[in-house]
Amino acid sequence: MLDFDLAALDVHPEWRQVLLAYDDVDSVILTDPETADFVARGFRPRVREVDGVPTDQMARVHGKLIAHGLLQVEITGRTGGMLYQLTAVGRRACLRLAGTVDEESLELASA
């Protein structure tokens, strides 16, 4: 499996900021019962604002994170809309960015 190059997150700090916002599970607010199952599985509503990222760039950043396999999207229905979740690669990128795990542990976990 190809792994995402973390250097891209250095070149595009707005990607990093949005990615880390999806890693912040404590900020998830459940407002629609139709989305309860998805939220229980780790999905969350779209992050619309992130400090330091212009709101007019958020759609582009979401697209890049999805295209690079860091974020996945799920359409939940008529009222639930779209929900997002970090992929396994996205979770590993967040762990690396936070410095909470070493490279060897990550390699063993993905083997």
C-alpha atoms as a PDB file:
ATOM      1  CA  MET A   1       0.000   0.000   0.000  1.00  0.00           C
ATOM      2  CA  LEU A   2       1.323   3.407  -0.908  1.00  0.00           C
ATOM      3  CA  ASP A   3       1.560   5.787   1.994  1.00  0.00           C
ATOM      4  CA  PHE A   4       0.835   9.485   1.860  1.00  0.00           C
ATOM      5  CA  ASP A   5       3.933  11.679   1.835  1.00  0.00           C
ATOM      6  CA  LEU A   6       3.754  13.895   4.913  1.00  0.00           C
ATOM      7  CA  ALA A   7       5.924  16.460   3.139  1.00  0.00           C
ATOM      8  CA  ALA A   8       2.789  17.485   1.227  1.00  0.00           C
ATOM      9  CA  LEU A   9       1.282  18.575   4.541  1.00  0.00           C
ATOM     10  CA  ASP A  10       4.307  20.815   5.103  1.00  0.00           C
ATOM     11  CA  VAL A  11       3.898  22.363   1.663  1.00  0.00           C
ATOM     12  CA  HIS A  12       0.138  22.818   2.229  1.00  0.00           C
ATOM     13  CA  PRO A  13      -0.346  23.706   5.910  1.00  0.00           C
ATOM     14  CA  GLU A  14      -4.064  24.310   5.304  1.00  0.00           C
ATOM     15  CA  TRP A  15      -4.409  20.592   4.468  1.00  0.00           C
ATOM     16  CA  ARG A  16      -2.796  19.726   7.792  1.00  0.00           C
ATOM     17  CA  GLN A  17      -5.087  22.057   9.724  1.00  0.00           C
ATOM     18  CA  VAL A  18      -8.257  20.623   8.181  1.00  0.00           C
ATOM     19  CA  LEU A  19      -7.004  17.043   8.584  1.00  0.00           C
ATOM     20  CA  LEU A  20      -6.288  17.612  12.270  1.00  0.00           C
ATOM     21  CA  ALA A  21      -9.741  19.169  12.704  1.00  0.00           C
ATOM     22  CA  TYR A  22     -11.249  15.822  11.672  1.00  0.00           C
ATOM     23  CA  ASP A  23      -9.076  14.093  14.262  1.00  0.00           C
ATOM     24  CA  ASP A  24     -10.734  16.193  16.994  1.00  0.00           C
ATOM     25  CA  VAL A  25     -13.560  13.788  17.863  1.00  0.00           C
ATOM     26  CA  ASP A  26     -14.537  15.766  20.972  1.00  0.00           C
ATOM     27  CA  SER A  27     -15.974  18.524  18.789  1.00  0.00           C
ATOM     28  CA  VAL A  28     -18.573  16.284  17.087  1.00  0.00           C
ATOM     29  CA  ILE A  29     -22.114  17.435  17.768  1.00  0.00           C
ATOM     30  CA  LEU A  30     -24.937  15.102  16.797  1.00  0.00           C
ATOM     31  CA  THR A  31     -27.900  17.093  15.512  1.00  0.00           C
ATOM     32  CA  ASP A  32     -29.663  14.657  13.174  1.00  0.00           C
ATOM     33  CA  PRO A  33     -30.860  11.226  14.351  1.00  0.00           C
ATOM     34  CA  GLU A  34     -30.422   9.918  10.785  1.00  0.00           C
ATOM     35  CA  THR A  35     -26.652  10.332  11.152  1.00  0.00           C
ATOM     36  CA  ALA A  36     -26.329   8.605  14.553  1.00  0.00           C
ATOM     37  CA  ASP A  37     -25.106   5.302  13.078  1.00  0.00           C
ATOM     38  CA  PHE A  38     -22.472   7.060  10.974  1.00  0.00           C
ATOM     39  CA  VAL A  39     -21.219   9.166  13.884  1.00  0.00           C
ATOM     40  CA  ALA A  40     -20.986   6.004  15.992  1.00  0.00           C
ATOM     41  CA  ARG A  41     -18.698   4.572  13.265  1.00  0.00           C
ATOM     42  CA  GLY A  42     -16.402   7.622  13.351  1.00  0.00           C
ATOM     43  CA  PHE A  43     -17.979   9.845  10.727  1.00  0.00           C
ATOM     44  CA  ARG A  44     -18.647  13.485  11.485  1.00  0.00           C
ATOM     45  CA  PRO A  45     -20.309  16.470   9.880  1.00  0.00           C
ATOM     46  CA  ARG A  46     -18.238  18.536   7.468  1.00  0.00           C
ATOM     47  CA  VAL A  47     -15.820  20.907   9.156  1.00  0.00           C
ATOM     48  CA  ARG A  48     -16.809  24.294   7.764  1.00  0.00           C
ATOM     49  CA  GLU A  49     -14.318  26.563   9.516  1.00  0.00           C
ATOM     50  CA  VAL A  50     -10.724  26.084  10.614  1.00  0.00           C
ATOM     51  CA  ASP A  51      -8.549  28.831  12.059  1.00  0.00           C
ATOM     52  CA  GLY A  52      -6.094  30.058   9.467  1.00  0.00           C
ATOM     53  CA  VAL A  53      -7.892  28.516   6.470  1.00  0.00           C
ATOM     54  CA  PRO A  54     -10.027  30.900   4.392  1.00  0.00           C
ATOM     55  CA  THR A  55     -13.585  29.583   4.100  1.00  0.00           C
ATOM     56  CA  ASP A  56     -13.460  29.954   0.313  1.00  0.00           C
ATOM     57  CA  GLN A  57     -10.619  27.361   0.261  1.00  0.00           C
ATOM     58  CA  MET A  58     -12.344  24.738   2.428  1.00  0.00           C
ATOM     59  CA  ALA A  59     -14.033  22.921  -0.500  1.00  0.00           C
ATOM     60  CA  ARG A  60     -10.706  22.704  -2.367  1.00  0.00           C
ATOM     61  CA  VAL A  61      -8.889  21.424   0.723  1.00  0.00           C
ATOM     62  CA  HIS A  62     -11.575  18.777   1.341  1.00  0.00           C
ATOM     63  CA  GLY A  63     -11.222  17.666  -2.278  1.00  0.00           C
ATOM     64  CA  LYS A  64      -7.446  17.359  -1.973  1.00  0.00           C
ATOM     65  CA  LEU A  65      -7.680  15.359   1.263  1.00  0.00           C
ATOM     66  CA  ILE A  66     -10.194  13.004  -0.337  1.00  0.00           C
ATOM     67  CA  ALA A  67      -8.126  12.683  -3.521  1.00  0.00           C
ATOM     68  CA  HIS A  68      -4.991  11.826  -1.531  1.00  0.00           C
ATOM     69  CA  GLY A  69      -6.821   9.176   0.473  1.00  0.00           C
ATOM     70  CA  LEU A  70      -6.683  10.974   3.825  1.00  0.00           C
ATOM     71  CA  LEU A  71     -10.405  11.607   4.158  1.00  0.00           C
ATOM     72  CA  GLN A  72     -13.464   9.706   3.002  1.00  0.00           C
ATOM     73  CA  VAL A  73     -16.995  10.959   2.505  1.00  0.00           C
ATOM     74  CA  GLU A  74     -20.359   9.274   2.987  1.00  0.00           C
ATOM     75  CA  ILE A  75     -23.767  10.510   1.841  1.00  0.00           C
ATOM     76  CA  THR A  76     -26.211   9.703   4.638  1.00  0.00           C
ATOM     77  CA  GLY A  77     -29.584  10.448   3.117  1.00  0.00           C
ATOM     78  CA  ARG A  78     -32.017  13.214   2.398  1.00  0.00           C
ATOM     79  CA  THR A  79     -31.593  15.120   5.647  1.00  0.00           C
ATOM     80  CA  GLY A  80     -28.243  13.885   6.921  1.00  0.00           C
ATOM     81  CA  GLY A  81     -26.149  15.228   4.081  1.00  0.00           C
ATOM     82  CA  MET A  82     -22.485  14.377   3.770  1.00  0.00           C
ATOM     83  CA  LEU A  83     -20.317  13.060   6.582  1.00  0.00           C
ATOM     84  CA  TYR A  84     -16.539  12.713   6.647  1.00  0.00           C
ATOM     85  CA  GLN A  85     -14.084  10.345   8.294  1.00  0.00           C
ATOM     86  CA  LEU A  86     -10.325  10.015   8.437  1.00  0.00           C
ATOM     87  CA  THR A  87      -9.064   7.021   6.484  1.00  0.00           C
ATOM     88  CA  ALA A  88      -6.431   4.701   7.960  1.00  0.00           C
ATOM     89  CA  VAL A  89      -3.796   6.742   6.110  1.00  0.00           C
ATOM     90  CA  GLY A  90      -5.332   9.950   7.472  1.00  0.00           C
ATOM     91  CA  ARG A  91      -5.266   8.600  11.033  1.00  0.00           C
ATOM     92  CA  ARG A  92      -1.609   7.589  10.663  1.00  0.00           C
ATOM     93  CA  ALA A  93      -0.793  11.049   9.288  1.00  0.00           C
ATOM     94  CA  CYS A  94      -2.476  12.666  12.309  1.00  0.00           C
ATOM     95  CA  LEU A  95      -0.549  10.409  14.699  1.00  0.00           C
ATOM     96  CA  ARG A  96       2.710  11.315  12.972  1.00  0.00           C
ATOM     97  CA  LEU A  97       1.867  15.020  13.017  1.00  0.00           C
ATOM     98  CA  ALA A  98       1.067  14.830  16.720  1.00  0.00           C
ATOM     99  CA  GLY A  99       4.286  12.915  17.368  1.00  0.00           C
ATOM    100  CA  THR A 100       2.420  10.410  19.533  1.00  0.00           C
ATOM    101  CA  VAL A 101       3.770   7.331  17.796  1.00  0.00           C
ATOM    102  CA  ASP A 102       7.075   6.370  16.238  1.00  0.00           C
ATOM    103  CA  GLU A 103       7.595   5.278  12.635  1.00  0.00           C
ATOM    104  CA  GLU A 104       8.421   1.668  13.557  1.00  0.00           C
ATOM    105  CA  SER A 105       5.098   1.209  15.390  1.00  0.00           C
ATOM    106  CA  LEU A 106       3.229   2.617  12.403  1.00  0.00           C
ATOM    107  CA  GLU A 107       5.007   0.246  10.014  1.00  0.00           C
ATOM    108  CA  LEU A 108       4.207  -2.772  12.193  1.00  0.00           C
ATOM    109  CA  ALA A 109       0.555  -1.720  12.498  1.00  0.00           C
ATOM    110  CA  SER A 110       0.098  -1.408   8.739  1.00  0.00           C
ATOM    111  CA  ALA A 111       1.861  -4.703   7.889  1.00  0.00           C
END
